[in-house]
Amino acid sequence: MFKDYYKMSDEELKELGRKYHLRGFIEEGLVLTDDRKIVNDFVINRKDVIDQLSQRDTRRIAYYSMILSVILSVATILISLIFK
């Protein structure tokens, strides 16, 4: 279920940021180009994207765990009523 977000490229993280509508994943910053010039450009904030994606994964696991526990609780009650 968990993906290794740290091994993903900036483009992959940018796509996930757009796909899941993450907030503040692209920031304006200074970038050094190949010809050694500093330009003002937009860069991805890797830490924020990875944090938000990890929190999203954790919430999904908690949600499905809660659903499973409710189903098992109802099944336990029904079985105890049937075999009483």
Protein backbone atom coordinates (compact mmCIF):
# COMPACT_ATOMS: atom_id res chain seq x y z
CA MET A 1 0.00 0.00 0.00
CA PHE A 2 2.79 2.41 0.84
CA LYS A 3 4.88 3.64 -2.05
CA ASP A 4 8.48 4.78 -1.80
CA TYR A 5 7.90 8.44 -2.55
CA TYR A 6 11.54 9.33 -1.85
CA LYS A 7 12.69 7.38 -4.93
CA MET A 8 10.24 9.18 -7.24
CA SER A 9 11.36 11.92 -9.56
CA ASP A 10 10.11 15.48 -9.28
CA GLU A 11 7.87 14.93 -12.31
CA GLU A 12 6.23 11.87 -10.73
CA LEU A 13 5.63 13.77 -7.49
CA LYS A 14 4.26 16.73 -9.44
CA GLU A 15 1.80 14.42 -11.22
CA LEU A 16 0.64 12.93 -7.91
CA GLY A 17 0.32 16.41 -6.44
CA ARG A 18 -1.98 17.44 -9.25
CA LYS A 19 -3.87 14.14 -9.24
CA TYR A 20 -4.69 14.32 -5.52
CA HIS A 21 -5.06 18.13 -5.40
CA LEU A 22 -2.33 18.63 -2.81
CA ARG A 23 -1.90 22.14 -1.46
CA GLY A 24 1.27 24.14 -1.87
CA PHE A 25 3.34 21.51 -3.64
CA ILE A 26 4.86 23.93 -6.17
CA GLU A 27 6.78 26.96 -4.93
CA GLU A 28 8.52 29.81 -6.63
CA GLY A 29 12.26 29.69 -6.15
CA LEU A 30 15.65 30.44 -7.60
CA VAL A 31 17.05 27.76 -9.91
CA LEU A 32 20.58 27.40 -11.28
CA THR A 33 20.45 26.60 -15.01
CA ASP A 34 22.95 24.56 -17.01
CA ASP A 35 24.73 27.69 -18.22
CA ARG A 36 25.27 28.79 -14.60
CA LYS A 37 22.57 31.49 -14.58
CA ILE A 38 20.19 31.94 -11.70
CA VAL A 39 16.58 32.28 -12.81
CA ASN A 40 13.29 32.61 -10.99
CA ASP A 41 11.27 29.44 -11.62
CA PHE A 42 8.72 27.14 -10.00
CA VAL A 43 10.08 24.14 -8.12
CA ILE A 44 8.40 21.24 -6.36
CA ASN A 45 8.53 21.10 -2.58
CA ARG A 46 9.44 17.42 -2.19
CA LYS A 47 9.13 17.33 1.61
CA ASP A 48 5.60 18.74 1.63
CA VAL A 49 4.43 16.48 -1.20
CA ILE A 50 5.86 13.36 0.45
CA ASP A 51 4.37 14.33 3.84
CA GLN A 52 0.92 14.89 2.34
CA LEU A 53 1.02 11.65 0.33
CA SER A 54 2.12 9.67 3.40
CA GLN A 55 -0.69 11.18 5.47
CA ARG A 56 -3.13 10.31 2.69
CA ASP A 57 -1.95 6.69 2.70
CA THR A 58 -2.24 6.51 6.50
CA ARG A 59 -5.80 7.90 6.41
CA ARG A 60 -6.81 5.33 3.80
CA ILE A 61 -5.42 2.47 5.89
CA ALA A 62 -7.23 3.76 9.00
CA TYR A 63 -10.49 4.13 7.05
CA TYR A 64 -10.43 0.58 5.68
CA SER A 65 -9.40 -0.80 9.07
CA MET A 66 -12.39 0.91 10.65
CA ILE A 67 -14.76 -0.52 8.02
CA LEU A 68 -13.34 -4.01 8.54
CA SER A 69 -13.69 -3.77 12.33
CA VAL A 70 -17.34 -2.66 12.05
CA ILE A 71 -18.15 -5.53 9.67
CA LEU A 72 -16.45 -8.06 11.95
CA SER A 73 -18.25 -6.66 15.01
CA VAL A 74 -21.64 -6.98 13.31
CA ALA A 75 -20.77 -10.50 12.16
CA THR A 76 -19.74 -11.45 15.71
CA ILE A 77 -23.02 -10.13 17.14
CA LEU A 78 -25.07 -11.98 14.50
CA ILE A 79 -23.21 -15.24 15.10
CA SER A 80 -23.66 -14.95 18.86
CA LEU A 81 -27.41 -14.35 18.38
CA ILE A 82 -27.79 -17.28 16.00
CA PHE A 83 -25.97 -19.81 18.16
CA LYS A 84 -27.44 -18.76 21.49
